Amino acid sequence: MTVLFADVRGSTAIAEKIGPAAFAALLNRFYDVAMSALIPNRAIIDKMIGDEVMAFFVPAAKLPLQTTAVDTAEKILRGVGYGSGSEPWLPVGIGINHGEAYVGKVGTGDVNDFTALGDTVNTAAHLQSEAAAGQIVVSESVYSELGSAYAGIPSKEVDVRGREEKFGIHILKPFE
């Protein structure tokens, strides 16, 4: 499966500046953009976590998962104003990873959740934290499937919390 995290950069400062009601409206606008990109590409929306969206693409969708996730990430960035020739209305960074994960119900008793868990998911979240506004950070397992669209982007080694070895990433900048 392929996991995508999209996160608003600097949201604490934005919320402080505009106040809670305006911030909620801004996040709802972001969620609308994200859902408009994710749902048509058959992503499963796992969570909207404060200023972040987590979604995943599973093989049952019968789409090329990695390229679909990157195309979706580009649509999210375009939806918040990247590539428009003017300043984006919201700074967003995105991380994408591909691999095995547990997908299913977790919890006990009356409190349950349907989610994805495992190293692939955790690493995708960490990759998102490496992405600056307007960037899509992808793992080697995603980059290797992209073909010529982003050919020649060098790999960068980063520390991923909880991993003993450095992890190879590629930083995509579709609107620069």
N, C-alpha and C. Protein backbone atom coordinates (compact mmCIF):
# COMPACT_ATOMS: atom_id res chain seq x y z
N MET A 1 0.83 -1.18 0.00
CA MET A 1 0.00 0.00 0.00
C MET A 1 0.88 1.25 0.00
N THR A 2 0.28 2.37 -0.37
CA THR A 2 0.99 3.64 -0.40
C THR A 2 0.29 4.61 0.53
N VAL A 3 1.06 5.26 1.39
CA VAL A 3 0.52 6.15 2.42
C VAL A 3 0.94 7.59 2.12
N LEU A 4 0.00 8.51 2.27
CA LEU A 4 0.22 9.94 2.03
C LEU A 4 -0.19 10.72 3.27
N PHE A 5 0.70 11.59 3.71
CA PHE A 5 0.39 12.56 4.77
C PHE A 5 0.56 13.95 4.17
N ALA A 6 -0.44 14.80 4.31
CA ALA A 6 -0.37 16.21 3.89
C ALA A 6 -0.58 17.07 5.12
N ASP A 7 0.33 18.00 5.36
CA ASP A 7 0.32 18.77 6.59
C ASP A 7 0.47 20.26 6.30
N VAL A 8 -0.28 21.06 7.01
CA VAL A 8 -0.17 22.52 6.92
C VAL A 8 1.06 22.96 7.71
N ARG A 9 1.94 23.69 7.06
CA ARG A 9 3.16 24.20 7.71
C ARG A 9 2.85 25.49 8.45
N GLY A 10 3.40 25.61 9.66
CA GLY A 10 3.25 26.85 10.42
C GLY A 10 1.84 27.08 10.93
N SER A 11 1.10 26.01 11.16
CA SER A 11 -0.31 26.18 11.53
C SER A 11 -0.50 26.84 12.89
N THR A 12 0.42 26.64 13.81
CA THR A 12 0.29 27.28 15.12
C THR A 12 0.32 28.80 14.97
N ALA A 13 1.28 29.29 14.19
CA ALA A 13 1.38 30.73 13.97
C ALA A 13 0.17 31.26 13.21
N ILE A 14 -0.30 30.49 12.23
CA ILE A 14 -1.49 30.91 11.47
C ILE A 14 -2.70 31.01 12.40
N ALA A 15 -2.90 29.99 13.22
CA ALA A 15 -4.04 29.97 14.14
C ALA A 15 -3.97 31.13 15.13
N GLU A 16 -2.79 31.42 15.63
CA GLU A 16 -2.62 32.53 16.56
C GLU A 16 -2.96 33.86 15.89
N LYS A 17 -2.57 34.00 14.65
CA LYS A 17 -2.77 35.25 13.92
C LYS A 17 -4.23 35.49 13.55
N ILE A 18 -4.94 34.44 13.11
CA ILE A 18 -6.29 34.65 12.58
C ILE A 18 -7.41 34.27 13.54
N GLY A 19 -7.10 33.57 14.62
CA GLY A 19 -8.12 33.18 15.59
C GLY A 19 -8.76 31.84 15.27
N PRO A 20 -9.43 31.23 16.26
CA PRO A 20 -9.93 29.87 16.11
C PRO A 20 -11.02 29.69 15.05
N ALA A 21 -11.97 30.59 14.96
CA ALA A 21 -13.06 30.41 13.99
C ALA A 21 -12.53 30.53 12.56
N ALA A 22 -11.69 31.51 12.30
CA ALA A 22 -11.12 31.68 10.97
C ALA A 22 -10.18 30.53 10.64
N PHE A 23 -9.46 30.02 11.66
CA PHE A 23 -8.57 28.89 11.44
C PHE A 23 -9.37 27.64 11.09
N ALA A 24 -10.48 27.43 11.78
CA ALA A 24 -11.34 26.28 11.46
C ALA A 24 -11.85 26.38 10.02
N ALA A 25 -12.24 27.57 9.60
CA ALA A 25 -12.70 27.77 8.22
C ALA A 25 -11.57 27.50 7.23
N LEU A 26 -10.36 27.93 7.56
CA LEU A 26 -9.21 27.69 6.70
C LEU A 26 -8.92 26.20 6.58
N LEU A 27 -8.96 25.49 7.71
CA LEU A 27 -8.73 24.04 7.68
C LEU A 27 -9.83 23.33 6.89
N ASN A 28 -11.06 23.78 7.04
CA ASN A 28 -12.14 23.16 6.26
C ASN A 28 -11.91 23.36 4.77
N ARG A 29 -11.40 24.51 4.39
CA ARG A 29 -11.07 24.76 2.98
C ARG A 29 -9.95 23.81 2.54
N PHE A 30 -8.93 23.62 3.39
CA PHE A 30 -7.85 22.68 3.10
C PHE A 30 -8.39 21.26 2.97
N TYR A 31 -9.24 20.85 3.91
CA TYR A 31 -9.83 19.50 3.84
C TYR A 31 -10.62 19.31 2.55
N ASP A 32 -11.34 20.35 2.12
CA ASP A 32 -12.10 20.27 0.88
C ASP A 32 -11.17 20.04 -0.31
N VAL A 33 -10.07 20.77 -0.36
CA VAL A 33 -9.08 20.59 -1.43
C VAL A 33 -8.52 19.17 -1.39
N ALA A 34 -8.14 18.73 -0.19
CA ALA A 34 -7.55 17.40 -0.06
C ALA A 34 -8.54 16.31 -0.48
N MET A 35 -9.78 16.40 -0.02
CA MET A 35 -10.78 15.39 -0.37
C MET A 35 -11.07 15.40 -1.87
N SER A 36 -11.07 16.58 -2.46
CA SER A 36 -11.32 16.70 -3.91
C SER A 36 -10.20 16.06 -4.72
N ALA A 37 -9.01 15.98 -4.17
CA ALA A 37 -7.89 15.32 -4.84
C ALA A 37 -7.84 13.83 -4.52
N LEU A 38 -8.09 13.48 -3.26
CA LEU A 38 -7.93 12.09 -2.80
C LEU A 38 -9.06 11.17 -3.25
N ILE A 39 -10.28 11.58 -3.05
CA ILE A 39 -11.42 10.68 -3.31
C ILE A 39 -11.51 10.24 -4.77
N PRO A 40 -11.40 11.13 -5.76
CA PRO A 40 -11.45 10.66 -7.15
C PRO A 40 -10.33 9.68 -7.52
N ASN A 41 -9.22 9.73 -6.79
CA ASN A 41 -8.11 8.81 -7.03
C ASN A 41 -8.20 7.56 -6.16
N ARG A 42 -9.36 7.34 -5.59
CA ARG A 42 -9.70 6.12 -4.84
C ARG A 42 -8.84 5.91 -3.60
N ALA A 43 -8.43 7.02 -3.00
CA ALA A 43 -7.69 6.94 -1.74
C ALA A 43 -8.68 6.65 -0.62
N ILE A 44 -8.21 5.99 0.39
CA ILE A 44 -8.99 5.78 1.61
C ILE A 44 -8.54 6.85 2.59
N ILE A 45 -9.47 7.70 3.00
CA ILE A 45 -9.15 8.76 3.95
C ILE A 45 -9.12 8.13 5.33
N ASP A 46 -7.95 8.09 5.92
CA ASP A 46 -7.81 7.49 7.25
C ASP A 46 -8.19 8.49 8.33
N LYS A 47 -7.57 9.67 8.28
CA LYS A 47 -7.80 10.64 9.34
C LYS A 47 -7.61 12.06 8.85
N MET A 48 -8.30 12.96 9.48
CA MET A 48 -8.00 14.38 9.43
C MET A 48 -7.58 14.71 10.85
N ILE A 49 -6.29 14.97 11.03
CA ILE A 49 -5.70 15.12 12.35
C ILE A 49 -5.30 16.57 12.52
N GLY A 50 -6.18 17.37 13.09
CA GLY A 50 -5.85 18.79 13.25
C GLY A 50 -5.59 19.44 11.92
N ASP A 51 -4.33 19.73 11.62
CA ASP A 51 -3.96 20.42 10.37
C ASP A 51 -3.35 19.46 9.35
N GLU A 52 -3.70 18.18 9.46
CA GLU A 52 -3.07 17.15 8.63
C GLU A 52 -4.12 16.16 8.13
N VAL A 53 -3.84 15.61 6.95
CA VAL A 53 -4.68 14.56 6.39
C VAL A 53 -3.80 13.33 6.16
N MET A 54 -4.31 12.17 6.57
CA MET A 54 -3.64 10.90 6.29
C MET A 54 -4.57 10.09 5.41
N ALA A 55 -4.01 9.56 4.31
CA ALA A 55 -4.79 8.72 3.41
C ALA A 55 -3.89 7.61 2.90
N PHE A 56 -4.52 6.54 2.40
CA PHE A 56 -3.72 5.48 1.80
C PHE A 56 -4.40 4.93 0.57
N PHE A 57 -3.57 4.36 -0.28
CA PHE A 57 -4.00 3.75 -1.52
C PHE A 57 -3.66 2.27 -1.42
N VAL A 58 -4.63 1.40 -1.70
CA VAL A 58 -4.41 -0.04 -1.59
C VAL A 58 -4.47 -0.70 -2.96
N PRO A 59 -3.82 -1.85 -3.10
CA PRO A 59 -3.80 -2.51 -4.41
C PRO A 59 -5.19 -2.80 -4.98
N ALA A 60 -6.19 -2.94 -4.15
CA ALA A 60 -7.53 -3.21 -4.64
C ALA A 60 -8.04 -2.09 -5.54
N ALA A 61 -7.44 -0.92 -5.43
CA ALA A 61 -7.86 0.20 -6.27
C ALA A 61 -7.45 0.01 -7.73
N LYS A 62 -6.59 -0.98 -7.99
CA LYS A 62 -6.12 -1.32 -9.33
C LYS A 62 -5.56 -0.11 -10.09
N LEU A 63 -4.88 0.74 -9.38
CA LEU A 63 -4.20 1.88 -9.97
C LEU A 63 -2.72 1.75 -9.64
N PRO A 64 -1.84 2.37 -10.41
CA PRO A 64 -0.43 2.36 -10.01
C PRO A 64 -0.30 3.22 -8.74
N LEU A 65 -0.16 2.56 -7.62
CA LEU A 65 -0.28 3.24 -6.32
C LEU A 65 0.67 4.41 -6.14
N GLN A 66 1.94 4.19 -6.41
CA GLN A 66 2.92 5.24 -6.15
C GLN A 66 2.69 6.46 -7.03
N THR A 67 2.49 6.26 -8.33
CA THR A 67 2.28 7.40 -9.22
C THR A 67 0.95 8.07 -8.95
N THR A 68 -0.06 7.30 -8.58
CA THR A 68 -1.35 7.89 -8.23
C THR A 68 -1.21 8.77 -6.99
N ALA A 69 -0.46 8.31 -6.01
CA ALA A 69 -0.27 9.09 -4.79
C ALA A 69 0.47 10.40 -5.09
N VAL A 70 1.50 10.35 -5.93
CA VAL A 70 2.23 11.57 -6.27
C VAL A 70 1.35 12.51 -7.09
N ASP A 71 0.59 11.98 -8.03
CA ASP A 71 -0.36 12.82 -8.80
C ASP A 71 -1.36 13.48 -7.87
N THR A 72 -1.84 12.74 -6.88
CA THR A 72 -2.79 13.28 -5.91
C THR A 72 -2.14 14.38 -5.08
N ALA A 73 -0.90 14.15 -4.66
CA ALA A 73 -0.16 15.17 -3.89
C ALA A 73 -0.02 16.45 -4.69
N GLU A 74 0.29 16.31 -5.98
CA GLU A 74 0.39 17.49 -6.84
C GLU A 74 -0.95 18.23 -6.91
N LYS A 75 -2.05 17.49 -6.97
CA LYS A 75 -3.38 18.12 -7.02
C LYS A 75 -3.67 18.87 -5.72
N ILE A 76 -3.26 18.31 -4.60
CA ILE A 76 -3.45 19.00 -3.32
C ILE A 76 -2.66 20.31 -3.32
N LEU A 77 -1.40 20.24 -3.72
CA LEU A 77 -0.58 21.46 -3.75
C LEU A 77 -1.15 22.49 -4.71
N ARG A 78 -1.59 22.05 -5.87
CA ARG A 78 -2.20 22.97 -6.84
C ARG A 78 -3.48 23.58 -6.24
N GLY A 79 -4.23 22.77 -5.53
CA GLY A 79 -5.49 23.23 -4.93
C GLY A 79 -5.32 24.31 -3.87
N VAL A 80 -4.15 24.33 -3.22
CA VAL A 80 -3.90 25.38 -2.23
C VAL A 80 -3.10 26.53 -2.83
N GLY A 81 -2.91 26.51 -4.14
CA GLY A 81 -2.35 27.67 -4.81
C GLY A 81 -0.96 27.55 -5.37
N TYR A 82 -0.28 26.42 -5.21
CA TYR A 82 1.05 26.27 -5.81
C TYR A 82 0.88 26.18 -7.32
N GLY A 83 1.81 26.80 -8.02
CA GLY A 83 1.78 26.78 -9.47
C GLY A 83 0.84 27.80 -10.09
N SER A 84 0.24 28.65 -9.27
CA SER A 84 -0.73 29.62 -9.77
C SER A 84 -0.07 30.94 -10.20
N GLY A 85 1.21 31.07 -9.90
CA GLY A 85 1.90 32.32 -10.22
C GLY A 85 1.83 33.34 -9.10
N SER A 86 1.05 33.05 -8.07
CA SER A 86 1.01 33.92 -6.90
C SER A 86 1.26 33.09 -5.66
N GLU A 87 1.35 33.73 -4.54
CA GLU A 87 1.63 33.04 -3.27
C GLU A 87 0.49 32.08 -2.93
N PRO A 88 0.82 30.80 -2.57
CA PRO A 88 -0.24 29.86 -2.16
C PRO A 88 -1.00 30.41 -0.95
N TRP A 89 -2.28 30.11 -0.85
CA TRP A 89 -3.07 30.59 0.26
C TRP A 89 -2.85 29.75 1.52
N LEU A 90 -2.14 28.63 1.39
CA LEU A 90 -1.85 27.79 2.54
C LEU A 90 -0.55 27.03 2.28
N PRO A 91 0.41 27.06 3.23
CA PRO A 91 1.65 26.30 3.05
C PRO A 91 1.45 24.83 3.44
N VAL A 92 1.69 23.92 2.50
CA VAL A 92 1.46 22.50 2.74
C VAL A 92 2.68 21.71 2.30
N GLY A 93 3.08 20.73 3.11
CA GLY A 93 4.13 19.77 2.77
C GLY A 93 3.55 18.37 2.81
N ILE A 94 4.07 17.48 1.95
CA ILE A 94 3.48 16.15 1.81
C ILE A 94 4.58 15.09 1.85
N GLY A 95 4.31 13.96 2.50
CA GLY A 95 5.20 12.81 2.54
C GLY A 95 4.47 11.58 2.04
N ILE A 96 5.17 10.74 1.26
CA ILE A 96 4.57 9.53 0.70
C ILE A 96 5.55 8.37 0.83
N ASN A 97 5.04 7.23 1.30
CA ASN A 97 5.82 6.01 1.41
C ASN A 97 5.00 4.84 0.89
N HIS A 98 5.69 3.79 0.50
CA HIS A 98 5.03 2.59 -0.04
C HIS A 98 5.62 1.36 0.63
N GLY A 99 4.77 0.41 0.98
CA GLY A 99 5.22 -0.85 1.57
C GLY A 99 4.06 -1.58 2.21
N GLU A 100 4.39 -2.53 3.04
CA GLU A 100 3.37 -3.32 3.72
C GLU A 100 2.90 -2.61 4.98
N ALA A 101 1.62 -2.81 5.30
CA ALA A 101 1.04 -2.24 6.52
C ALA A 101 -0.15 -3.07 6.94
N TYR A 102 -0.50 -2.96 8.19
CA TYR A 102 -1.74 -3.55 8.68
C TYR A 102 -2.85 -2.55 8.40
N VAL A 103 -3.93 -3.02 7.80
CA VAL A 103 -5.10 -2.19 7.57
C VAL A 103 -6.28 -2.92 8.18
N GLY A 104 -6.94 -2.27 9.11
CA GLY A 104 -8.09 -2.91 9.74
C GLY A 104 -8.49 -2.21 11.01
N LYS A 105 -9.30 -2.90 11.78
CA LYS A 105 -9.86 -2.36 13.00
C LYS A 105 -8.86 -2.50 14.15
N VAL A 106 -8.75 -1.44 14.93
CA VAL A 106 -7.97 -1.48 16.16
C VAL A 106 -8.82 -0.86 17.27
N GLY A 107 -8.50 -1.20 18.49
CA GLY A 107 -9.24 -0.67 19.62
C GLY A 107 -9.88 -1.80 20.41
N THR A 108 -10.58 -1.40 21.46
CA THR A 108 -11.25 -2.38 22.29
C THR A 108 -12.59 -1.83 22.75
N GLY A 109 -13.47 -2.72 23.08
CA GLY A 109 -14.75 -2.32 23.63
C GLY A 109 -15.51 -1.36 22.73
N ASP A 110 -15.91 -0.24 23.30
CA ASP A 110 -16.71 0.73 22.57
C ASP A 110 -15.90 1.71 21.74
N VAL A 111 -14.58 1.69 21.88
CA VAL A 111 -13.74 2.64 21.15
C VAL A 111 -12.91 1.87 20.13
N ASN A 112 -13.27 2.04 18.85
CA ASN A 112 -12.59 1.34 17.76
C ASN A 112 -12.29 2.31 16.64
N ASP A 113 -11.34 1.92 15.82
CA ASP A 113 -10.97 2.75 14.67
C ASP A 113 -10.56 1.83 13.54
N PHE A 114 -10.83 2.24 12.32
CA PHE A 114 -10.33 1.58 11.13
C PHE A 114 -9.14 2.40 10.67
N THR A 115 -7.97 1.78 10.55
CA THR A 115 -6.77 2.55 10.27
C THR A 115 -5.72 1.69 9.59
N ALA A 116 -4.60 2.29 9.29
CA ALA A 116 -3.42 1.60 8.78
C ALA A 116 -2.30 1.80 9.79
N LEU A 117 -1.55 0.75 10.05
CA LEU A 117 -0.48 0.79 11.05
C LEU A 117 0.77 0.10 10.53
N GLY A 118 1.89 0.48 11.09
CA GLY A 118 3.14 -0.21 10.80
C GLY A 118 4.24 0.74 10.36
N ASP A 119 5.40 0.16 10.06
CA ASP A 119 6.57 0.94 9.70
C ASP A 119 6.32 1.81 8.47
N THR A 120 5.61 1.29 7.49
CA THR A 120 5.34 2.07 6.27
C THR A 120 4.59 3.35 6.61
N VAL A 121 3.61 3.25 7.49
CA VAL A 121 2.81 4.41 7.89
C VAL A 121 3.65 5.37 8.72
N ASN A 122 4.36 4.85 9.70
CA ASN A 122 5.20 5.70 10.55
C ASN A 122 6.24 6.44 9.72
N THR A 123 6.84 5.75 8.78
CA THR A 123 7.86 6.37 7.94
C THR A 123 7.25 7.45 7.06
N ALA A 124 6.06 7.21 6.50
CA ALA A 124 5.38 8.24 5.70
C ALA A 124 5.16 9.50 6.52
N ALA A 125 4.76 9.34 7.78
CA ALA A 125 4.56 10.50 8.65
C ALA A 125 5.88 11.25 8.85
N HIS A 126 6.96 10.52 9.03
CA HIS A 126 8.27 11.16 9.21
C HIS A 126 8.72 11.85 7.92
N LEU A 127 8.42 11.25 6.77
CA LEU A 127 8.78 11.89 5.50
C LEU A 127 8.04 13.21 5.34
N GLN A 128 6.79 13.23 5.73
CA GLN A 128 6.01 14.47 5.68
C GLN A 128 6.67 15.55 6.52
N SER A 129 7.25 15.18 7.64
CA SER A 129 7.91 16.18 8.48
C SER A 129 9.18 16.73 7.83
N GLU A 130 9.73 16.03 6.84
CA GLU A 130 10.90 16.50 6.10
C GLU A 130 10.53 17.46 4.99
N ALA A 131 9.25 17.49 4.61
CA ALA A 131 8.82 18.30 3.47
C ALA A 131 8.59 19.75 3.86
N ALA A 132 9.23 20.64 3.15
CA ALA A 132 8.94 22.07 3.32
C ALA A 132 7.65 22.38 2.57
N ALA A 133 7.12 23.54 2.79
CA ALA A 133 5.91 23.96 2.08
C ALA A 133 6.14 23.87 0.58
N GLY A 134 5.21 23.23 -0.12
CA GLY A 134 5.30 23.08 -1.57
C GLY A 134 6.08 21.87 -2.04
N GLN A 135 6.58 21.07 -1.10
CA GLN A 135 7.38 19.90 -1.46
C GLN A 135 6.62 18.60 -1.20
N ILE A 136 7.00 17.58 -1.97
CA ILE A 136 6.53 16.21 -1.77
C ILE A 136 7.77 15.37 -1.53
N VAL A 137 7.90 14.81 -0.34
CA VAL A 137 9.04 13.97 -0.01
C VAL A 137 8.59 12.52 -0.15
N VAL A 138 9.32 11.77 -0.99
CA VAL A 138 8.96 10.38 -1.25
C VAL A 138 10.12 9.45 -0.90
N SER A 139 9.76 8.24 -0.53
CA SER A 139 10.76 7.21 -0.25
C SER A 139 11.29 6.64 -1.56
N GLU A 140 12.35 5.88 -1.47
CA GLU A 140 12.92 5.21 -2.65
C GLU A 140 11.88 4.29 -3.29
N SER A 141 11.06 3.63 -2.46
CA SER A 141 10.05 2.70 -2.99
C SER A 141 8.98 3.42 -3.80
N VAL A 142 8.77 4.69 -3.56
CA VAL A 142 7.85 5.49 -4.37
C VAL A 142 8.58 6.03 -5.58
N TYR A 143 9.74 6.62 -5.36
CA TYR A 143 10.49 7.25 -6.44
C TYR A 143 10.82 6.27 -7.56
N SER A 144 11.14 5.04 -7.20
CA SER A 144 11.54 4.04 -8.20
C SER A 144 10.42 3.72 -9.19
N GLU A 145 9.18 4.07 -8.86
CA GLU A 145 8.04 3.78 -9.73
C GLU A 145 7.56 4.99 -10.53
N LEU A 146 8.20 6.14 -10.36
CA LEU A 146 7.69 7.36 -10.99
C LEU A 146 8.06 7.52 -12.46
N GLY A 147 9.03 6.77 -12.94
CA GLY A 147 9.40 6.89 -14.34
C GLY A 147 10.07 8.21 -14.63
N SER A 148 9.81 8.77 -15.81
CA SER A 148 10.53 9.95 -16.27
C SER A 148 10.00 11.27 -15.72
N ALA A 149 8.85 11.25 -15.07
CA ALA A 149 8.25 12.51 -14.60
C ALA A 149 9.20 13.29 -13.69
N TYR A 150 9.94 12.60 -12.86
CA TYR A 150 10.86 13.25 -11.93
C TYR A 150 12.26 12.63 -12.03
N ALA A 151 12.66 12.28 -13.23
CA ALA A 151 13.96 11.64 -13.42
C ALA A 151 15.10 12.55 -12.97
N GLY A 152 16.12 11.94 -12.40
CA GLY A 152 17.34 12.66 -12.07
C GLY A 152 17.34 13.41 -10.76
N ILE A 153 16.32 13.26 -9.96
CA ILE A 153 16.31 13.93 -8.66
C ILE A 153 17.17 13.11 -7.70
N PRO A 154 18.22 13.72 -7.16
CA PRO A 154 19.13 12.95 -6.32
C PRO A 154 18.47 12.48 -5.02
N SER A 155 19.00 11.38 -4.54
CA SER A 155 18.56 10.85 -3.26
C SER A 155 19.27 11.59 -2.14
N LYS A 156 18.58 11.75 -1.04
CA LYS A 156 19.16 12.37 0.14
C LYS A 156 18.94 11.39 1.29
N GLU A 157 19.95 11.23 2.11
CA GLU A 157 19.84 10.34 3.27
C GLU A 157 19.41 11.16 4.49
N VAL A 158 18.38 10.70 5.20
CA VAL A 158 17.91 11.39 6.39
C VAL A 158 17.79 10.41 7.55
N ASP A 159 17.86 10.96 8.73
CA ASP A 159 17.59 10.16 9.93
C ASP A 159 16.09 10.11 10.13
N VAL A 160 15.57 8.92 10.32
CA VAL A 160 14.15 8.75 10.64
C VAL A 160 14.09 8.20 12.05
N ARG A 161 13.42 8.94 12.91
CA ARG A 161 13.33 8.57 14.32
C ARG A 161 12.89 7.11 14.46
N GLY A 162 13.64 6.36 15.27
CA GLY A 162 13.31 4.97 15.52
C GLY A 162 14.02 3.99 14.59
N ARG A 163 14.64 4.49 13.52
CA ARG A 163 15.37 3.62 12.60
C ARG A 163 16.86 3.72 12.90
N GLU A 164 17.55 2.58 12.81
CA GLU A 164 18.98 2.57 13.07
C GLU A 164 19.78 3.13 11.91
N GLU A 165 19.30 2.90 10.68
CA GLU A 165 20.03 3.35 9.50
C GLU A 165 19.36 4.56 8.88
N LYS A 166 20.16 5.34 8.15
CA LYS A 166 19.60 6.48 7.42
C LYS A 166 18.65 5.96 6.35
N PHE A 167 17.74 6.83 5.93
CA PHE A 167 16.68 6.44 5.01
C PHE A 167 16.77 7.32 3.76
N GLY A 168 16.71 6.72 2.59
CA GLY A 168 16.82 7.47 1.33
C GLY A 168 15.49 8.09 0.92
N ILE A 169 15.54 9.38 0.62
CA ILE A 169 14.35 10.10 0.16
C ILE A 169 14.67 10.89 -1.10
N HIS A 170 13.63 11.31 -1.79
CA HIS A 170 13.74 12.24 -2.91
C HIS A 170 12.76 13.38 -2.63
N ILE A 171 13.21 14.60 -2.86
CA ILE A 171 12.38 15.76 -2.60
C ILE A 171 11.87 16.29 -3.94
N LEU A 172 10.57 16.15 -4.16
CA LEU A 172 9.94 16.61 -5.39
C LEU A 172 9.43 18.03 -5.19
N LYS A 173 9.71 18.86 -6.15
CA LYS A 173 9.29 20.27 -6.09
C LYS A 173 8.54 20.57 -7.39
N PRO A 174 7.29 20.11 -7.49
CA PRO A 174 6.59 20.19 -8.77
C PRO A 174 6.28 21.60 -9.27
N PHE A 175 6.31 22.58 -8.40
CA PHE A 175 5.89 23.93 -8.83
C PHE A 175 7.01 24.95 -8.74
N GLU A 176 8.25 24.47 -8.72
CA GLU A 176 9.39 25.40 -8.72
C GLU A 176 9.95 25.54 -10.10
